[in-house]
Protein backbone atom coordinates (compact mmCIF):
# COMPACT_ATOMS: atom_id res chain seq x y z
CA MET A 1 -18.62 -13.40 4.60
CA THR A 2 -19.24 -16.91 5.89
CA PHE A 3 -16.77 -18.87 7.98
CA THR A 4 -17.81 -22.14 6.35
CA GLN A 5 -16.64 -21.10 2.88
CA TRP A 6 -13.02 -21.47 4.02
CA GLN A 7 -13.28 -24.95 5.54
CA ASP A 8 -12.22 -26.78 2.39
CA ARG A 9 -10.03 -24.04 0.87
CA SER A 10 -6.27 -24.27 0.38
CA VAL A 11 -4.37 -20.98 0.70
CA VAL A 12 -0.72 -20.31 -0.16
CA VAL A 13 0.91 -17.21 1.32
CA THR A 14 4.38 -16.37 0.03
CA GLY A 15 6.52 -14.34 2.40
CA GLY A 16 4.26 -15.49 5.21
CA THR A 17 6.74 -15.75 8.09
CA ARG A 18 6.51 -12.12 9.22
CA GLY A 19 4.88 -8.76 8.70
CA ILE A 20 1.92 -8.45 6.35
CA GLY A 21 2.32 -12.02 5.09
CA LEU A 22 2.08 -13.44 8.60
CA GLY A 23 -1.01 -11.33 9.24
CA ILE A 24 -2.61 -12.72 6.08
CA ALA A 25 -1.72 -16.30 6.95
CA GLU A 26 -3.08 -15.91 10.47
CA LEU A 27 -6.43 -14.52 9.35
CA PHE A 28 -6.98 -17.31 6.83
CA ALA A 29 -6.03 -19.91 9.44
CA ARG A 30 -8.49 -18.41 11.91
CA GLN A 31 -11.18 -18.60 9.23
CA GLY A 32 -10.57 -22.34 8.91
CA ALA A 33 -8.57 -22.51 5.67
CA ALA A 34 -5.61 -24.85 5.19
CA VAL A 35 -2.57 -22.59 4.89
CA LEU A 36 0.87 -23.14 3.43
CA LEU A 37 3.19 -20.23 4.19
CA THR A 38 6.67 -19.72 2.79
CA GLY A 39 9.80 -17.89 3.81
CA ARG A 40 13.47 -17.82 2.96
CA ASP A 41 14.56 -20.07 5.83
CA ALA A 42 13.10 -23.57 6.30
CA GLU A 43 13.46 -23.67 10.08
CA THR A 44 11.87 -20.26 10.51
CA ALA A 45 8.99 -21.17 8.20
CA ARG A 46 8.28 -24.39 10.10
CA THR A 47 8.55 -22.68 13.49
CA VAL A 48 6.19 -19.87 12.47
CA ALA A 49 3.74 -22.35 10.96
CA ASP A 50 3.74 -24.55 14.07
CA ASP A 51 3.18 -21.53 16.32
CA LEU A 52 0.38 -20.26 14.10
CA ALA A 53 -1.28 -23.67 14.05
CA ARG A 54 -1.25 -23.75 17.87
CA ARG A 55 -2.61 -20.21 18.21
CA THR A 56 -5.38 -20.65 15.67
CA ASP A 57 -6.11 -24.36 16.06
CA GLY A 58 -5.73 -24.47 12.28
CA ARG A 59 -4.04 -26.44 9.55
CA VAL A 60 -0.82 -24.55 8.84
CA ALA A 61 2.41 -25.72 7.22
CA GLY A 62 5.59 -23.85 6.36
CA MET A 63 8.42 -24.33 3.90
CA ALA A 64 11.40 -22.48 2.47
CA VAL A 65 11.01 -21.00 -1.00
CA ASP A 66 13.46 -18.72 -2.79
CA MET A 67 11.23 -16.64 -5.05
CA ARG A 68 14.12 -16.23 -7.48
CA GLN A 69 14.14 -19.98 -8.19
CA PRO A 70 11.35 -21.25 -10.50
CA GLU A 71 11.83 -24.87 -9.47
CA GLN A 72 11.30 -24.00 -5.81
CA ILE A 73 8.11 -22.14 -6.68
CA GLU A 74 6.86 -25.19 -8.59
CA HIS A 75 7.71 -27.36 -5.58
CA MET A 76 5.67 -24.99 -3.37
CA VAL A 77 2.56 -25.63 -5.44
CA ALA A 78 3.22 -29.38 -5.49
CA GLU A 79 3.50 -29.32 -1.68
CA ALA A 80 0.19 -27.45 -1.38
CA GLU A 81 -1.43 -30.06 -3.62
CA ARG A 82 0.06 -32.91 -1.60
CA ARG A 83 -0.94 -31.48 1.77
CA HIS A 84 -4.18 -29.69 0.99
CA GLY A 85 -5.40 -30.99 -2.35
CA GLY A 86 -4.61 -27.96 -4.50
CA VAL A 87 -4.41 -24.17 -4.38
CA ASP A 88 -7.65 -22.22 -4.14
CA VAL A 89 -6.07 -18.93 -3.11
CA LEU A 90 -2.59 -17.58 -3.84
CA CYS A 91 -1.48 -14.59 -1.82
CA ALA A 92 1.60 -13.41 -3.73
CA ASN A 93 3.05 -11.40 -0.89
CA ALA A 94 6.80 -12.11 -0.81
CA GLY A 95 8.88 -8.99 -1.28
CA ILE A 96 12.01 -7.14 -0.24
CA PHE A 97 12.62 -3.40 0.14
CA PRO A 98 16.32 -2.61 0.54
CA GLU A 99 17.01 1.12 0.55
CA ARG A 100 19.55 2.25 -2.03
CA PRO A 101 20.11 5.75 -3.45
CA LEU A 102 19.97 5.73 -7.24
CA ARG A 103 23.56 6.96 -7.62
CA GLU A 104 24.78 4.01 -5.54
CA MET A 105 22.48 1.39 -7.04
CA THR A 106 24.12 -1.50 -8.86
CA ALA A 107 22.71 -3.77 -11.52
CA ASP A 108 22.67 -6.57 -8.95
CA ASP A 109 20.61 -4.40 -6.60
CA VAL A 110 18.03 -3.85 -9.33
CA ASP A 111 17.98 -7.49 -10.38
CA GLU A 112 17.46 -8.76 -6.82
CA VAL A 113 14.44 -6.54 -6.15
CA LEU A 114 12.83 -7.18 -9.52
CA GLU A 115 13.46 -10.92 -9.32
CA VAL A 116 11.88 -11.32 -5.88
CA ASN A 117 9.07 -8.78 -6.05
CA LEU A 118 7.97 -8.83 -9.69
CA ARG A 119 9.35 -11.94 -11.34
CA GLY A 120 8.57 -14.00 -8.22
CA SER A 121 4.94 -12.88 -8.26
CA ILE A 122 4.56 -13.74 -11.93
CA LEU A 123 6.17 -17.17 -11.56
CA SER A 124 4.10 -18.04 -8.49
CA VAL A 125 0.90 -17.25 -10.38
CA ARG A 126 2.07 -19.27 -13.37
CA ALA A 127 2.85 -22.26 -11.14
CA CYS A 128 -0.67 -22.23 -9.66
CA LEU A 129 -2.49 -22.19 -12.98
CA PRO A 130 -2.76 -25.95 -13.62
CA THR A 131 -4.42 -26.72 -10.28
CA MET A 132 -6.70 -23.68 -10.46
CA GLU A 133 -7.72 -24.39 -14.04
CA ARG A 134 -8.58 -27.99 -13.17
CA ALA A 135 -10.80 -26.69 -10.37
CA GLY A 136 -12.42 -24.10 -12.65
CA ARG A 137 -11.88 -21.35 -10.08
CA GLY A 138 -9.18 -19.53 -8.17
CA ARG A 139 -8.30 -16.36 -6.35
CA ILE A 140 -4.99 -14.53 -6.74
CA VAL A 141 -4.20 -11.52 -4.58
CA VAL A 142 -0.90 -9.69 -5.09
CA THR A 143 0.56 -7.51 -2.36
CA SER A 144 1.76 -4.39 -4.13
CA SER A 145 2.27 -1.01 -2.40
CA ILE A 146 1.32 2.63 -2.64
CA THR A 147 5.04 3.22 -3.33
CA GLY A 148 5.47 3.00 -7.08
CA PRO A 149 1.89 2.77 -8.34
CA THR A 150 0.73 5.93 -6.50
CA THR A 151 3.59 7.60 -4.65
CA GLY A 152 7.37 7.74 -4.70
CA TYR A 153 10.03 7.65 -2.00
CA ALA A 154 13.69 8.53 -2.33
CA GLY A 155 15.92 5.49 -2.02
CA TRP A 156 13.33 3.00 -3.21
CA SER A 157 13.18 3.62 -6.93
CA HIS A 158 13.86 -0.05 -7.75
CA TYR A 159 11.26 -1.14 -5.19
CA GLY A 160 8.72 1.33 -6.59
CA ALA A 161 9.36 0.05 -10.11
CA SER A 162 8.76 -3.53 -9.00
CA LYS A 163 5.49 -2.64 -7.29
CA ALA A 164 4.20 -0.63 -10.23
CA GLY A 165 5.14 -3.53 -12.49
CA GLN A 166 3.01 -5.87 -10.42
CA LEU A 167 -0.09 -3.85 -11.29
CA GLY A 168 0.61 -4.07 -15.00
CA PHE A 169 0.85 -7.82 -14.57
CA VAL A 170 -2.37 -8.00 -12.52
CA ARG A 171 -4.45 -6.26 -15.17
CA SER A 172 -3.27 -8.38 -18.09
CA ALA A 173 -3.31 -11.63 -16.11
CA ALA A 174 -6.87 -10.90 -15.02
CA LEU A 175 -7.99 -10.75 -18.64
CA GLU A 176 -6.15 -13.92 -19.53
CA LEU A 177 -7.42 -15.97 -16.59
CA ALA A 178 -11.03 -14.76 -16.42
CA PRO A 179 -12.31 -17.49 -18.77
CA HIS A 180 -11.01 -20.07 -16.28
CA GLY A 181 -12.91 -18.58 -13.34
CA ILE A 182 -9.73 -17.16 -11.81
CA THR A 183 -9.69 -13.61 -10.45
CA VAL A 184 -6.52 -11.55 -10.06
CA ASN A 185 -6.42 -8.46 -7.86
CA ALA A 186 -3.96 -6.45 -5.78
CA VAL A 187 -3.87 -4.70 -2.44
CA LEU A 188 -1.79 -1.53 -2.04
CA PRO A 189 -0.77 -1.12 1.60
CA GLY A 190 0.35 2.19 2.98
CA ASN A 191 2.64 2.30 6.00
CA VAL A 192 1.93 -0.73 8.16
CA ARG A 193 3.38 -1.42 11.59
CA THR A 194 5.85 -4.27 11.05
CA ASP A 195 9.36 -5.16 12.24
CA GLY A 196 10.71 -3.94 8.92
CA LEU A 197 9.06 -0.55 9.29
CA ALA A 198 10.19 -0.25 12.90
CA GLY A 199 13.75 -0.74 11.72
CA LEU A 200 13.57 2.55 9.85
CA GLY A 201 13.65 4.42 13.16
CA PRO A 202 11.33 6.46 15.40
CA ASP A 203 11.68 9.66 13.36
CA TYR A 204 10.50 7.88 10.24
CA LEU A 205 7.58 6.31 12.10
CA ARG A 206 6.54 9.68 13.52
CA ARG A 207 6.68 11.38 10.13
CA MET A 208 4.70 8.60 8.53
CA THR A 209 2.04 8.63 11.22
CA ASP A 210 1.72 12.40 10.84
CA SER A 211 1.06 11.93 7.11
CA ILE A 212 -1.92 9.60 7.61
CA PRO A 213 -5.33 11.29 7.95
CA LEU A 214 -6.69 8.54 10.21
CA GLY A 215 -3.85 9.32 12.61
CA ARG A 216 -2.24 5.90 12.95
CA LEU A 217 -0.08 3.41 11.13
CA GLY A 218 -1.82 0.46 9.57
CA GLU A 219 -1.83 -2.95 11.23
CA THR A 220 -1.19 -6.21 9.42
CA ALA A 221 -4.80 -7.19 10.12
CA ASP A 222 -6.00 -4.18 8.12
CA ILE A 223 -4.30 -5.56 5.02
CA ALA A 224 -5.27 -9.15 5.78
CA HIS A 225 -8.98 -8.33 5.88
CA ALA A 226 -8.73 -6.65 2.47
CA VAL A 227 -7.02 -9.75 1.08
CA LEU A 228 -9.64 -12.00 2.67
CA PHE A 229 -12.41 -10.07 0.91
CA LEU A 230 -10.72 -10.26 -2.51
CA ALA A 231 -10.23 -14.01 -2.01
CA SER A 232 -13.82 -14.62 -0.90
CA ASP A 233 -16.90 -15.83 -2.75
CA GLU A 234 -18.36 -12.35 -2.26
CA ALA A 235 -15.63 -10.92 -4.54
CA ALA A 236 -16.33 -13.33 -7.39
CA PHE A 237 -17.16 -10.43 -9.75
CA VAL A 238 -14.04 -8.40 -8.89
CA THR A 239 -10.94 -8.87 -11.04
CA GLY A 240 -8.08 -6.78 -12.36
CA GLN A 241 -8.61 -4.27 -9.57
CA THR A 242 -6.47 -2.58 -6.92
CA LEU A 243 -7.56 -1.85 -3.37
CA THR A 244 -5.59 0.83 -1.52
CA VAL A 245 -5.43 0.29 2.24
CA ASP A 246 -3.56 3.28 3.63
CA GLY A 247 -5.71 5.20 6.12
CA GLY A 248 -6.07 7.99 3.55
CA GLN A 249 -2.30 8.50 3.26
CA THR A 250 -2.43 9.14 -0.49
CA LEU A 251 -5.33 11.63 -0.31
CA PRO A 252 -3.74 14.96 0.76
CA GLU A 253 -2.23 17.04 -2.03
CA SER A 254 -0.12 18.90 0.56
CA LEU A 255 0.28 19.29 4.32
CA ASP A 256 -2.16 22.20 4.10
CA ALA A 257 -4.89 19.66 3.33
CA PHE A 258 -4.75 18.58 6.98
CA ALA A 259 -5.71 22.07 8.18
CA THR A 260 -9.17 22.71 9.53
CA PRO A 261 -11.32 24.25 6.77
CA HIS A 262 -12.10 27.95 7.23
CA GLN A 263 -15.59 28.58 8.49
CA PRO A 264 -17.71 30.98 6.43
């Protein structure tokens, strides 16, 4: 993968002020791309972008975008066009994961998660289509999750539904956009070391680490490098696909699978 391919590329990363999104934004900035990252709070987004620009010596800007508001998503794309000449890569990463037992879940709880995670991804892709179609190329990478498409976790049924829904969207969108030279793919992170994950407590972190065959939690850079590949020229023939990045977390069929095989 060549560094020079990113020098004239414009990358938008939604939910780029922390966690996986920040890791994605940082890697693209270090590769030389012009990056526009978004978050819920304008001051936070600008502060994170300024810090990232200093650390990477890159072109990074930040702005507030509420993924539930279509007009703000449209403004995000207009800002990327104004600053960086268009959108070559969209990393649809913004998402929320509030825990809520099903018996306590309200309609508003469901709507909020689906609006941000699923509807927001769809609308951000739609907003990027005019500039990508004019260019005759584009890369879209959606951050889904192993939770929903592959696994389940009590308390996150609405989150799992949103993440599984993203994959249905990716496959159909990939077919629709292929004639325009636009690829659409998804990464499925396992448990990644972020502030949000740390907030779930040390017992949760220990249990999750114990469930990963490679023996560690993922890092944001692990996901970012997968996204970088799917957005690269080298992945031009890859579309409608999902790439699981979980250290083998979804491989064991039971805890017994971790046991040392019996020798003959």
